[in-house]
Amino acid sequence: MLHKKDKKMEVSAIENGTVIDHIPAKVLFKVIAILGLDHIDKPITFGTNLDSKKLGKKAIIKLSETFFIDKDINKIALVAPQAKLNIIKDYTVVEKKVVEVPDEIIGIAKCVNPKCITNNEKIVTKFQVISKREVQLRCHYCEKITNQENIVII
């Protein structure tokens, strides 16, 4: 007889690809948007509201046959600065990566200032990162500060 604690659903392992772990559950879909995962034609598995000692609730994304350049990986840090990536080859983790918030953010986030020129004309957004711990961005054009909880991905 199986006890409740013995019943566990496992997500199948991937042979080659990327696993993004330690994503706060509430920002899973922002990470999906940042990476443009809705345009990938390879198998993608994700889970959310999974128990995590560090985060309380976390999300995970498994991408078969999909790899990212560091520039794209670091975009994740805007909304999930504690995310970790595992690069998988032949069912084995061959590399672990930690996301880093880049010094400059271009064309990824929206300025919170409704009067900013980037919200009223076709101008690519540009921000200086003024805090990487609790992400804060200063708009290059209007100098308004956008805090991590207010970041809107475009």
N, C-alpha and C. Protein backbone atom coordinates (compact mmCIF):
# COMPACT_ATOMS: atom_id res chain seq x y z
N MET A 1 0.84 -1.19 0.00
CA MET A 1 0.00 0.00 0.00
C MET A 1 0.88 1.25 0.00
N LEU A 2 0.55 2.21 -0.85
CA LEU A 2 1.29 3.45 -0.91
C LEU A 2 0.75 4.43 0.12
N HIS A 3 1.65 5.07 0.81
CA HIS A 3 1.25 6.13 1.71
C HIS A 3 1.26 7.44 0.94
N LYS A 4 0.56 8.42 1.45
CA LYS A 4 0.46 9.71 0.77
C LYS A 4 1.85 10.28 0.50
N LYS A 5 2.77 10.16 1.46
CA LYS A 5 4.10 10.74 1.27
C LYS A 5 4.90 10.02 0.19
N ASP A 6 4.51 8.79 -0.17
CA ASP A 6 5.21 8.03 -1.20
C ASP A 6 4.76 8.41 -2.61
N LYS A 7 3.64 9.06 -2.73
CA LYS A 7 3.10 9.42 -4.04
C LYS A 7 3.71 10.76 -4.45
N LYS A 8 4.41 10.72 -5.55
CA LYS A 8 5.05 11.93 -6.02
C LYS A 8 5.08 11.89 -7.54
N MET A 9 4.68 12.98 -8.16
CA MET A 9 4.76 13.05 -9.61
C MET A 9 6.07 13.70 -9.97
N GLU A 10 6.82 13.08 -10.81
CA GLU A 10 8.09 13.62 -11.26
C GLU A 10 7.92 14.12 -12.69
N VAL A 11 8.60 15.22 -12.99
CA VAL A 11 8.64 15.71 -14.36
C VAL A 11 9.78 14.96 -15.03
N SER A 12 9.55 14.46 -16.21
CA SER A 12 10.58 13.64 -16.85
C SER A 12 11.84 14.45 -17.12
N ALA A 13 12.95 13.75 -17.08
CA ALA A 13 14.24 14.37 -17.33
C ALA A 13 14.34 14.73 -18.81
N ILE A 14 15.19 15.72 -19.11
CA ILE A 14 15.42 16.05 -20.51
C ILE A 14 16.81 15.57 -20.91
N GLU A 15 16.93 15.15 -22.15
CA GLU A 15 18.22 14.63 -22.62
C GLU A 15 19.22 15.76 -22.84
N ASN A 16 18.78 16.80 -23.56
CA ASN A 16 19.63 17.96 -23.84
C ASN A 16 18.76 19.20 -23.76
N GLY A 17 19.27 20.23 -23.10
CA GLY A 17 18.51 21.47 -23.02
C GLY A 17 18.86 22.27 -21.79
N THR A 18 17.92 23.08 -21.35
CA THR A 18 18.13 24.00 -20.24
C THR A 18 17.01 23.86 -19.23
N VAL A 19 17.38 23.85 -17.96
CA VAL A 19 16.40 23.88 -16.87
C VAL A 19 16.61 25.19 -16.14
N ILE A 20 15.55 25.97 -16.02
CA ILE A 20 15.59 27.22 -15.26
C ILE A 20 14.84 26.96 -13.96
N ASP A 21 15.56 27.07 -12.85
CA ASP A 21 15.01 26.73 -11.55
C ASP A 21 15.07 27.96 -10.64
N HIS A 22 14.40 27.87 -9.53
CA HIS A 22 14.36 28.93 -8.51
C HIS A 22 13.75 30.23 -9.05
N ILE A 23 12.71 30.08 -9.85
CA ILE A 23 11.94 31.23 -10.34
C ILE A 23 10.83 31.46 -9.33
N PRO A 24 10.69 32.67 -8.78
CA PRO A 24 9.53 32.90 -7.92
C PRO A 24 8.24 32.60 -8.69
N ALA A 25 7.33 31.85 -8.08
CA ALA A 25 6.13 31.40 -8.77
C ALA A 25 5.35 32.55 -9.40
N LYS A 26 5.30 33.68 -8.73
CA LYS A 26 4.48 34.79 -9.23
C LYS A 26 5.04 35.45 -10.50
N VAL A 27 6.30 35.14 -10.87
CA VAL A 27 6.87 35.77 -12.07
C VAL A 27 7.14 34.77 -13.20
N LEU A 28 6.65 33.55 -13.07
CA LEU A 28 6.88 32.54 -14.10
C LEU A 28 6.51 33.05 -15.48
N PHE A 29 5.34 33.64 -15.63
CA PHE A 29 4.89 34.04 -16.96
C PHE A 29 5.65 35.26 -17.48
N LYS A 30 6.22 36.06 -16.58
CA LYS A 30 7.11 37.15 -17.02
C LYS A 30 8.39 36.57 -17.61
N VAL A 31 8.92 35.53 -16.97
CA VAL A 31 10.12 34.88 -17.50
C VAL A 31 9.82 34.27 -18.88
N ILE A 32 8.67 33.64 -19.01
CA ILE A 32 8.27 33.06 -20.30
C ILE A 32 8.20 34.16 -21.36
N ALA A 33 7.66 35.32 -20.99
CA ALA A 33 7.57 36.44 -21.94
C ALA A 33 8.95 37.00 -22.28
N ILE A 34 9.80 37.19 -21.27
CA ILE A 34 11.14 37.74 -21.50
C ILE A 34 11.93 36.89 -22.48
N LEU A 35 11.83 35.59 -22.34
CA LEU A 35 12.61 34.69 -23.19
C LEU A 35 11.90 34.34 -24.50
N GLY A 36 10.68 34.83 -24.67
CA GLY A 36 9.94 34.54 -25.91
C GLY A 36 9.64 33.07 -26.09
N LEU A 37 9.36 32.39 -24.98
CA LEU A 37 9.15 30.94 -25.04
C LEU A 37 7.89 30.55 -25.80
N ASP A 38 6.98 31.48 -26.00
CA ASP A 38 5.78 31.17 -26.76
C ASP A 38 6.09 31.00 -28.25
N HIS A 39 7.33 31.29 -28.66
CA HIS A 39 7.72 31.15 -30.07
C HIS A 39 8.65 29.96 -30.30
N ILE A 40 8.94 29.22 -29.25
CA ILE A 40 9.84 28.07 -29.37
C ILE A 40 9.03 26.84 -29.77
N ASP A 41 9.55 26.09 -30.75
CA ASP A 41 8.81 24.91 -31.23
C ASP A 41 9.36 23.60 -30.67
N LYS A 42 10.18 23.67 -29.63
CA LYS A 42 10.69 22.48 -28.95
C LYS A 42 9.85 22.22 -27.71
N PRO A 43 9.89 20.98 -27.18
CA PRO A 43 9.10 20.69 -25.97
C PRO A 43 9.52 21.56 -24.77
N ILE A 44 8.52 22.10 -24.09
CA ILE A 44 8.73 22.92 -22.89
C ILE A 44 7.82 22.37 -21.80
N THR A 45 8.40 22.18 -20.61
CA THR A 45 7.61 21.77 -19.45
C THR A 45 7.82 22.82 -18.38
N PHE A 46 6.73 23.26 -17.75
CA PHE A 46 6.92 24.14 -16.61
C PHE A 46 5.98 23.75 -15.49
N GLY A 47 6.42 24.06 -14.30
CA GLY A 47 5.60 23.83 -13.12
C GLY A 47 5.65 25.07 -12.26
N THR A 48 4.60 25.33 -11.56
CA THR A 48 4.57 26.51 -10.71
C THR A 48 3.92 26.18 -9.37
N ASN A 49 4.15 27.04 -8.41
CA ASN A 49 3.67 26.87 -7.04
C ASN A 49 4.20 25.58 -6.41
N LEU A 50 5.44 25.25 -6.75
CA LEU A 50 6.12 24.11 -6.15
C LEU A 50 6.76 24.56 -4.85
N ASP A 51 6.81 23.68 -3.86
CA ASP A 51 7.40 24.05 -2.58
C ASP A 51 8.90 24.31 -2.72
N SER A 52 9.36 25.38 -2.05
CA SER A 52 10.77 25.74 -2.05
C SER A 52 11.15 26.26 -0.68
N LYS A 53 12.23 25.74 -0.13
CA LYS A 53 12.69 26.22 1.18
C LYS A 53 13.13 27.67 1.10
N LYS A 54 13.77 28.04 -0.03
CA LYS A 54 14.28 29.40 -0.19
C LYS A 54 13.21 30.41 -0.55
N LEU A 55 12.30 30.04 -1.45
CA LEU A 55 11.34 31.00 -2.00
C LEU A 55 9.92 30.84 -1.47
N GLY A 56 9.65 29.79 -0.73
CA GLY A 56 8.27 29.50 -0.34
C GLY A 56 7.59 28.73 -1.46
N LYS A 57 7.29 29.42 -2.54
CA LYS A 57 6.73 28.79 -3.74
C LYS A 57 7.61 29.18 -4.92
N LYS A 58 7.93 28.19 -5.75
CA LYS A 58 8.80 28.46 -6.89
C LYS A 58 8.20 27.87 -8.16
N ALA A 59 8.83 28.24 -9.26
CA ALA A 59 8.47 27.69 -10.57
C ALA A 59 9.74 27.15 -11.21
N ILE A 60 9.56 26.27 -12.17
CA ILE A 60 10.67 25.68 -12.90
C ILE A 60 10.26 25.55 -14.36
N ILE A 61 11.23 25.72 -15.26
CA ILE A 61 10.98 25.56 -16.70
C ILE A 61 12.04 24.60 -17.24
N LYS A 62 11.59 23.60 -18.00
CA LYS A 62 12.50 22.67 -18.66
C LYS A 62 12.31 22.82 -20.16
N LEU A 63 13.41 23.10 -20.86
CA LEU A 63 13.36 23.35 -22.30
C LEU A 63 14.24 22.34 -23.02
N SER A 64 13.62 21.43 -23.76
CA SER A 64 14.38 20.44 -24.53
C SER A 64 15.02 21.09 -25.74
N GLU A 65 16.28 20.70 -25.97
CA GLU A 65 17.02 21.15 -27.16
C GLU A 65 17.05 22.67 -27.30
N THR A 66 17.02 23.38 -26.18
CA THR A 66 17.02 24.84 -26.20
C THR A 66 18.12 25.35 -25.28
N PHE A 67 18.92 26.28 -25.81
CA PHE A 67 20.01 26.88 -25.04
C PHE A 67 19.96 28.39 -25.28
N PHE A 68 20.47 29.15 -24.33
CA PHE A 68 20.41 30.61 -24.41
C PHE A 68 21.80 31.22 -24.33
N ILE A 69 21.95 32.39 -24.94
CA ILE A 69 23.19 33.14 -24.76
C ILE A 69 23.08 33.91 -23.44
N ASP A 70 24.21 34.28 -22.86
CA ASP A 70 24.22 34.94 -21.56
C ASP A 70 23.37 36.21 -21.54
N LYS A 71 23.37 36.95 -22.64
CA LYS A 71 22.58 38.19 -22.72
C LYS A 71 21.09 37.89 -22.44
N ASP A 72 20.58 36.83 -23.02
CA ASP A 72 19.17 36.48 -22.81
C ASP A 72 18.95 35.96 -21.40
N ILE A 73 19.88 35.16 -20.93
CA ILE A 73 19.77 34.62 -19.57
C ILE A 73 19.70 35.74 -18.55
N ASN A 74 20.52 36.76 -18.75
CA ASN A 74 20.57 37.85 -17.79
C ASN A 74 19.31 38.71 -17.78
N LYS A 75 18.51 38.63 -18.84
CA LYS A 75 17.23 39.34 -18.85
C LYS A 75 16.31 38.79 -17.75
N ILE A 76 16.44 37.49 -17.48
CA ILE A 76 15.62 36.85 -16.46
C ILE A 76 15.82 37.52 -15.12
N ALA A 77 17.03 38.00 -14.87
CA ALA A 77 17.37 38.60 -13.58
C ALA A 77 16.51 39.81 -13.25
N LEU A 78 15.91 40.44 -14.24
CA LEU A 78 15.04 41.59 -13.97
C LEU A 78 13.87 41.21 -13.07
N VAL A 79 13.35 40.01 -13.27
CA VAL A 79 12.17 39.60 -12.51
C VAL A 79 12.43 38.41 -11.60
N ALA A 80 13.54 37.70 -11.83
CA ALA A 80 13.87 36.52 -11.03
C ALA A 80 15.38 36.49 -10.76
N PRO A 81 15.87 37.44 -9.94
CA PRO A 81 17.32 37.54 -9.75
C PRO A 81 17.95 36.33 -9.06
N GLN A 82 17.15 35.46 -8.45
CA GLN A 82 17.70 34.28 -7.79
C GLN A 82 17.62 33.01 -8.66
N ALA A 83 17.21 33.17 -9.91
CA ALA A 83 17.06 32.02 -10.80
C ALA A 83 18.41 31.37 -11.08
N LYS A 84 18.36 30.06 -11.28
CA LYS A 84 19.55 29.28 -11.60
C LYS A 84 19.26 28.49 -12.87
N LEU A 85 20.27 28.32 -13.70
CA LEU A 85 20.13 27.56 -14.93
C LEU A 85 21.04 26.35 -14.89
N ASN A 86 20.52 25.24 -15.32
CA ASN A 86 21.30 24.03 -15.48
C ASN A 86 21.29 23.67 -16.95
N ILE A 87 22.48 23.53 -17.52
CA ILE A 87 22.61 23.13 -18.91
C ILE A 87 22.76 21.60 -18.91
N ILE A 88 21.90 20.92 -19.66
CA ILE A 88 21.83 19.46 -19.65
C ILE A 88 22.33 18.91 -20.99
N LYS A 89 23.22 17.92 -20.90
CA LYS A 89 23.67 17.18 -22.09
C LYS A 89 23.68 15.71 -21.71
N ASP A 90 23.05 14.88 -22.52
CA ASP A 90 22.95 13.44 -22.24
C ASP A 90 22.42 13.16 -20.83
N TYR A 91 21.37 13.85 -20.46
CA TYR A 91 20.69 13.70 -19.17
C TYR A 91 21.54 14.11 -17.95
N THR A 92 22.66 14.78 -18.18
CA THR A 92 23.55 15.16 -17.09
C THR A 92 23.75 16.67 -17.08
N VAL A 93 23.78 17.26 -15.87
CA VAL A 93 24.06 18.69 -15.75
C VAL A 93 25.54 18.89 -16.07
N VAL A 94 25.82 19.64 -17.13
CA VAL A 94 27.21 19.88 -17.52
C VAL A 94 27.67 21.29 -17.16
N GLU A 95 26.71 22.17 -16.85
CA GLU A 95 27.07 23.53 -16.47
C GLU A 95 25.93 24.13 -15.66
N LYS A 96 26.32 24.90 -14.64
CA LYS A 96 25.33 25.63 -13.85
C LYS A 96 25.62 27.11 -14.04
N LYS A 97 24.57 27.88 -14.25
CA LYS A 97 24.73 29.32 -14.44
C LYS A 97 23.82 30.05 -13.46
N VAL A 98 24.32 31.18 -12.99
CA VAL A 98 23.53 32.06 -12.14
C VAL A 98 23.24 33.31 -12.96
N VAL A 99 22.00 33.78 -12.92
CA VAL A 99 21.67 34.98 -13.68
C VAL A 99 22.29 36.20 -13.00
N GLU A 100 22.64 37.19 -13.81
CA GLU A 100 23.17 38.44 -13.30
C GLU A 100 22.41 39.58 -13.94
N VAL A 101 22.07 40.56 -13.15
CA VAL A 101 21.40 41.74 -13.69
C VAL A 101 22.44 42.54 -14.48
N PRO A 102 22.18 42.79 -15.77
CA PRO A 102 23.14 43.58 -16.55
C PRO A 102 23.15 45.05 -16.08
N ASP A 103 24.16 45.80 -16.49
CA ASP A 103 24.27 47.20 -16.10
C ASP A 103 23.29 48.10 -16.85
N GLU A 104 22.88 47.65 -18.02
CA GLU A 104 21.99 48.44 -18.86
C GLU A 104 20.91 47.53 -19.44
N ILE A 105 19.70 48.05 -19.51
CA ILE A 105 18.56 47.32 -20.03
C ILE A 105 18.01 48.10 -21.22
N ILE A 106 18.01 47.45 -22.39
CA ILE A 106 17.55 48.14 -23.60
C ILE A 106 16.44 47.33 -24.26
N GLY A 107 15.28 47.98 -24.44
CA GLY A 107 14.19 47.39 -25.21
C GLY A 107 13.49 46.20 -24.57
N ILE A 108 13.63 46.03 -23.26
CA ILE A 108 13.02 44.88 -22.60
C ILE A 108 11.87 45.30 -21.69
N ALA A 109 12.07 46.41 -20.98
CA ALA A 109 11.10 46.86 -19.98
C ALA A 109 10.48 48.19 -20.39
N LYS A 110 9.32 48.43 -19.83
CA LYS A 110 8.58 49.66 -20.09
C LYS A 110 8.85 50.67 -18.97
N CYS A 111 8.94 51.94 -19.30
CA CYS A 111 9.11 52.99 -18.28
C CYS A 111 7.78 53.18 -17.55
N VAL A 112 7.86 53.36 -16.23
CA VAL A 112 6.63 53.52 -15.44
C VAL A 112 6.01 54.91 -15.60
N ASN A 113 6.76 55.84 -16.14
CA ASN A 113 6.27 57.21 -16.30
C ASN A 113 5.40 57.29 -17.57
N PRO A 114 4.09 57.49 -17.40
CA PRO A 114 3.21 57.54 -18.58
C PRO A 114 3.55 58.70 -19.52
N LYS A 115 4.23 59.73 -19.01
CA LYS A 115 4.58 60.88 -19.85
C LYS A 115 5.95 60.71 -20.53
N CYS A 116 6.65 59.63 -20.22
CA CYS A 116 7.96 59.39 -20.83
C CYS A 116 7.82 59.30 -22.34
N ILE A 117 8.80 59.82 -23.04
CA ILE A 117 8.79 59.81 -24.50
C ILE A 117 8.68 58.38 -25.05
N THR A 118 9.25 57.41 -24.32
CA THR A 118 9.21 56.02 -24.80
C THR A 118 7.80 55.43 -24.77
N ASN A 119 6.91 56.03 -23.98
CA ASN A 119 5.53 55.57 -23.92
C ASN A 119 4.63 56.32 -24.89
N ASN A 120 5.18 57.32 -25.56
CA ASN A 120 4.37 58.14 -26.44
C ASN A 120 4.87 58.21 -27.88
N GLU A 121 6.10 57.77 -28.09
CA GLU A 121 6.66 57.75 -29.43
C GLU A 121 7.40 56.43 -29.63
N LYS A 122 7.73 56.12 -30.87
CA LYS A 122 8.42 54.86 -31.17
C LYS A 122 9.91 55.00 -30.87
N ILE A 123 10.23 54.97 -29.58
CA ILE A 123 11.61 55.05 -29.13
C ILE A 123 11.88 53.84 -28.25
N VAL A 124 12.99 53.17 -28.49
CA VAL A 124 13.36 51.99 -27.72
C VAL A 124 13.73 52.42 -26.29
N THR A 125 13.19 51.71 -25.31
CA THR A 125 13.48 52.03 -23.92
C THR A 125 14.93 51.71 -23.58
N LYS A 126 15.47 52.49 -22.65
CA LYS A 126 16.85 52.30 -22.22
C LYS A 126 16.93 52.68 -20.75
N PHE A 127 17.50 51.79 -19.95
CA PHE A 127 17.60 52.03 -18.51
C PHE A 127 19.01 51.75 -18.02
N GLN A 128 19.43 52.50 -17.03
CA GLN A 128 20.63 52.19 -16.24
C GLN A 128 20.14 51.43 -15.03
N VAL A 129 20.82 50.36 -14.67
CA VAL A 129 20.47 49.61 -13.47
C VAL A 129 21.16 50.30 -12.30
N ILE A 130 20.36 50.78 -11.35
CA ILE A 130 20.94 51.48 -10.21
C ILE A 130 20.97 50.61 -8.96
N SER A 131 20.24 49.52 -8.98
CA SER A 131 20.31 48.54 -7.90
C SER A 131 20.09 47.16 -8.50
N LYS A 132 20.99 46.23 -8.16
CA LYS A 132 20.88 44.87 -8.69
C LYS A 132 20.27 43.92 -7.68
N ARG A 133 20.33 44.27 -6.40
CA ARG A 133 19.81 43.40 -5.35
C ARG A 133 18.28 43.39 -5.40
N GLU A 134 17.67 44.51 -5.15
CA GLU A 134 16.24 44.72 -5.40
C GLU A 134 16.24 45.57 -6.66
N VAL A 135 16.02 44.97 -7.78
CA VAL A 135 16.25 45.63 -9.08
C VAL A 135 15.54 46.98 -9.17
N GLN A 136 16.33 48.00 -9.51
CA GLN A 136 15.81 49.34 -9.77
C GLN A 136 16.45 49.85 -11.04
N LEU A 137 15.61 50.41 -11.91
CA LEU A 137 16.06 50.90 -13.20
C LEU A 137 15.78 52.39 -13.31
N ARG A 138 16.76 53.15 -13.83
CA ARG A 138 16.55 54.58 -14.08
C ARG A 138 16.43 54.78 -15.59
N CYS A 139 15.31 55.37 -16.00
CA CYS A 139 15.07 55.62 -17.41
C CYS A 139 16.11 56.61 -17.95
N HIS A 140 16.68 56.28 -19.09
CA HIS A 140 17.67 57.13 -19.74
C HIS A 140 17.05 58.46 -20.19
N TYR A 141 15.76 58.45 -20.51
CA TYR A 141 15.12 59.63 -21.08
C TYR A 141 14.49 60.54 -20.04
N CYS A 142 13.72 59.98 -19.10
CA CYS A 142 13.00 60.83 -18.13
C CYS A 142 13.56 60.71 -16.72
N GLU A 143 14.49 59.78 -16.50
CA GLU A 143 15.16 59.54 -15.22
C GLU A 143 14.25 59.01 -14.11
N LYS A 144 13.04 58.62 -14.46
CA LYS A 144 12.12 58.01 -13.49
C LYS A 144 12.66 56.63 -13.10
N ILE A 145 12.51 56.30 -11.82
CA ILE A 145 12.97 55.01 -11.29
C ILE A 145 11.83 53.99 -11.36
N THR A 146 12.15 52.81 -11.90
CA THR A 146 11.21 51.70 -11.93
C THR A 146 11.72 50.64 -10.97
N ASN A 147 10.90 50.26 -9.99
CA ASN A 147 11.27 49.22 -9.03
C ASN A 147 10.92 47.84 -9.57
N GLN A 148 11.54 46.82 -9.01
CA GLN A 148 11.37 45.45 -9.48
C GLN A 148 9.90 45.04 -9.56
N GLU A 149 9.10 45.39 -8.56
CA GLU A 149 7.69 44.96 -8.57
C GLU A 149 6.87 45.70 -9.62
N ASN A 150 7.40 46.81 -10.18
CA ASN A 150 6.67 47.57 -11.20
C ASN A 150 7.19 47.33 -12.62
N ILE A 151 8.17 46.47 -12.76
CA ILE A 151 8.73 46.23 -14.10
C ILE A 151 7.67 45.55 -14.98
N VAL A 152 7.45 46.16 -16.13
CA VAL A 152 6.55 45.60 -17.14
C VAL A 152 7.41 45.24 -18.34
N ILE A 153 7.37 43.98 -18.73
CA ILE A 153 8.14 43.49 -19.86
C ILE A 153 7.40 43.82 -21.15
N ILE A 154 8.14 44.33 -22.15
CA ILE A 154 7.51 44.68 -23.43
C ILE A 154 7.91 43.72 -24.52
